[in-house]
C-alpha atoms as a PDB file:
ATOM      1  CA  MET A   1     -86.254  69.977-149.894  1.00  0.00           C
ATOM      2  CA  GLY A   2     -84.982  66.406-150.025  1.00  0.00           C
ATOM      3  CA  ILE A   3     -82.334  64.931-152.297  1.00  0.00           C
ATOM      4  CA  PHE A   4     -82.810  67.418-155.056  1.00  0.00           C
ATOM      5  CA  ASN A   5     -82.973  71.225-154.864  1.00  0.00           C
ATOM      6  CA  GLY A   6     -84.906  73.425-157.203  1.00  0.00           C
ATOM      7  CA  ILE A   7     -82.018  74.351-159.495  1.00  0.00           C
ATOM      8  CA  GLU A   8     -81.204  70.706-160.299  1.00  0.00           C
ATOM      9  CA  ILE A   9     -84.834  70.082-161.275  1.00  0.00           C
ATOM     10  CA  LEU A  10     -84.846  73.187-163.382  1.00  0.00           C
ATOM     11  CA  PHE A  11     -81.822  71.966-165.296  1.00  0.00           C
ATOM     12  CA  PHE A  12     -83.386  68.555-165.796  1.00  0.00           C
ATOM     13  CA  VAL A  13     -86.661  70.070-167.124  1.00  0.00           C
ATOM     14  CA  LEU A  14     -84.727  72.414-169.417  1.00  0.00           C
ATOM     15  CA  GLY A  15     -82.816  69.559-170.809  1.00  0.00           C
ATOM     16  CA  ALA A  16     -85.982  67.610-171.481  1.00  0.00           C
ATOM     17  CA  MET A  17     -87.594  70.653-173.070  1.00  0.00           C
ATOM     18  CA  THR A  18     -84.595  71.187-175.254  1.00  0.00           C
ATOM     19  CA  VAL A  19     -84.770  67.634-176.604  1.00  0.00           C
ATOM     20  CA  LEU A  20     -88.465  67.827-177.108  1.00  0.00           C
ATOM     21  CA  SER A  21     -88.360  71.139-178.903  1.00  0.00           C
ATOM     22  CA  ILE A  22     -85.548  69.956-181.293  1.00  0.00           C
ATOM     23  CA  ASN A  23     -87.481  66.718-182.013  1.00  0.00           C
ATOM     24  CA  GLY A  24     -90.641  68.777-182.595  1.00  0.00           C
ATOM     25  CA  ILE A  25     -88.939  71.061-185.105  1.00  0.00           C
ATOM     26  CA  VAL A  26     -87.449  68.165-186.956  1.00  0.00           C
ATOM     27  CA  PHE A  27     -90.784  66.352-186.969  1.00  0.00           C
ATOM     28  CA  LEU A  28     -92.601  69.446-188.351  1.00  0.00           C
ATOM     29  CA  ARG A  29     -89.803  70.005-190.909  1.00  0.00           C
ATOM     30  CA  LYS A  30     -90.315  66.401-192.184  1.00  0.00           C
ATOM     31  CA  ARG A  31     -94.167  66.648-192.200  1.00  0.00           C
ATOM     32  CA  TYR A  32     -94.465  70.120-193.734  1.00  0.00           C
ATOM     33  CA  PRO A  33     -91.560  70.943-196.108  1.00  0.00           C
ATOM     34  CA  PHE A  34     -90.808  74.584-195.370  1.00  0.00           C
ATOM     35  CA  ARG A  35     -87.859  76.855-195.997  1.00  0.00           C
ATOM     36  CA  TRP A  36     -84.775  77.361-193.872  1.00  0.00           C
ATOM     37  CA  TYR A  37     -85.845  80.777-192.511  1.00  0.00           C
ATOM     38  CA  SER A  38     -89.074  79.314-191.129  1.00  0.00           C
ATOM     39  CA  THR A  39     -86.996  76.757-189.324  1.00  0.00           C
ATOM     40  CA  MET A  40     -84.707  79.422-187.966  1.00  0.00           C
ATOM     41  CA  VAL A  41     -87.668  81.474-186.602  1.00  0.00           C
ATOM     42  CA  ALA A  42     -89.135  78.373-184.995  1.00  0.00           C
ATOM     43  CA  GLY A  43     -85.765  77.655-183.443  1.00  0.00           C
ATOM     44  CA  LEU A  44     -85.490  81.159-182.114  1.00  0.00           C
ATOM     45  CA  GLY A  45     -88.985  80.850-180.605  1.00  0.00           C
ATOM     46  CA  ALA A  46     -87.943  77.533-178.935  1.00  0.00           C
ATOM     47  CA  VAL A  47     -84.811  79.198-177.523  1.00  0.00           C
ATOM     48  CA  LEU A  48     -86.779  82.124-176.255  1.00  0.00           C
ATOM     49  CA  ILE A  49     -89.315  79.706-174.535  1.00  0.00           C
ATOM     50  CA  LEU A  50     -86.474  77.885-172.811  1.00  0.00           C
ATOM     51  CA  PHE A  51     -84.907  81.170-171.733  1.00  0.00           C
ATOM     52  CA  THR A  52     -88.250  82.353-170.396  1.00  0.00           C
ATOM     53  CA  VAL A  53     -88.685  79.186-168.337  1.00  0.00           C
ATOM     54  CA  ALA A  54     -85.103  79.389-167.051  1.00  0.00           C
ATOM     55  CA  TRP A  55     -85.394  83.045-166.174  1.00  0.00           C
ATOM     56  CA  SER A  56     -88.757  82.807-164.499  1.00  0.00           C
ATOM     57  CA  VAL A  57     -88.057  79.695-162.458  1.00  0.00           C
ATOM     58  CA  SER A  58     -84.636  80.852-161.264  1.00  0.00           C
ATOM     59  CA  SER A  59     -86.150  84.282-160.324  1.00  0.00           C
ATOM     60  CA  ILE A  60     -88.902  82.626-158.318  1.00  0.00           C
ATOM     61  CA  LEU A  61     -86.372  80.374-156.547  1.00  0.00           C
ATOM     62  CA  GLU A  62     -84.396  83.518-155.576  1.00  0.00           C
ATOM     63  CA  GLY A  63     -87.538  85.152-154.344  1.00  0.00           C
ATOM     64  CA  GLU A  64     -87.788  87.806-157.018  1.00  0.00           C
ATOM     65  CA  THR A  65     -91.387  87.335-158.250  1.00  0.00           C
ATOM     66  CA  ARG A  66     -91.459  90.727-160.052  1.00  0.00           C
ATOM     67  CA  SER A  67     -88.395  89.752-162.111  1.00  0.00           C
ATOM     68  CA  ALA A  68     -90.061  86.424-162.969  1.00  0.00           C
ATOM     69  CA  GLY A  69     -93.189  88.264-164.248  1.00  0.00           C
ATOM     70  CA  MET A  70     -91.145  90.676-166.314  1.00  0.00           C
ATOM     71  CA  GLY A  71     -89.170  87.783-167.809  1.00  0.00           C
ATOM     72  CA  ILE A  72     -92.377  86.072-168.880  1.00  0.00           C
ATOM     73  CA  LEU A  73     -93.754  89.368-170.255  1.00  0.00           C
ATOM     74  CA  VAL A  74     -90.611  90.283-172.222  1.00  0.00           C
ATOM     75  CA  PHE A  75     -89.256  86.991-173.413  1.00  0.00           C
ATOM     76  CA  GLY A  76     -92.492  85.001-173.567  1.00  0.00           C
ATOM     77  CA  VAL A  77     -94.240  87.472-175.767  1.00  0.00           C
ATOM     78  CA  GLN A  78     -91.255  87.511-178.175  1.00  0.00           C
ATOM     79  CA  ALA A  79     -91.448  83.729-178.319  1.00  0.00           C
ATOM     80  CA  LEU A  80     -95.165  83.819-179.065  1.00  0.00           C
ATOM     81  CA  ILE A  81     -94.488  86.300-181.886  1.00  0.00           C
ATOM     82  CA  CYS A  82     -91.871  83.997-183.330  1.00  0.00           C
ATOM     83  CA  PHE A  83     -94.233  81.076-183.258  1.00  0.00           C
ATOM     84  CA  GLY A  84     -97.008  83.068-184.833  1.00  0.00           C
ATOM     85  CA  LEU A  85     -94.609  84.297-187.642  1.00  0.00           C
ATOM     86  CA  THR A  86     -93.456  80.664-188.165  1.00  0.00           C
ATOM     87  CA  ARG A  87     -97.075  79.605-188.582  1.00  0.00           C
ATOM     88  CA  GLN A  88     -97.769  82.372-191.008  1.00  0.00           C
ATOM     89  CA  LEU A  89     -94.646  81.578-193.067  1.00  0.00           C
ATOM     90  CA  VAL A  90     -95.504  77.828-193.198  1.00  0.00           C
ATOM     91  CA  VAL A  91     -99.160  78.401-194.199  1.00  0.00           C
ATOM     92  CA  LYS A  92     -97.935  80.902-196.884  1.00  0.00           C
ATOM     93  CA  GLU A  93     -95.551  78.287-198.245  1.00  0.00           C
ATOM     94  CA  MET A  94     -98.162  75.549-198.282  1.00  0.00           C
ATOM     95  CA  LYS A  95    -100.350  77.497-200.669  1.00  0.00           C
END
């Protein structure tokens, strides 16, 4: 596959996504002043998204496509629920 193999690219992308998600949460925290528990739920959602990407890509690289799909279904849906809950909490606090 050349100089890099798939797992090295995965770790690079996960590192970039981690930095971007932390910066995004800090930016939103400065723009919309919301409480600490909204920040924690957003952080949990970001961690779940990172875990979903790591699980799915590593499963695909190992040839386990069914495991990748289940990882997206189980962890990705939980992350979407966390982000939806964060949005609801922030909108509620803005009123």
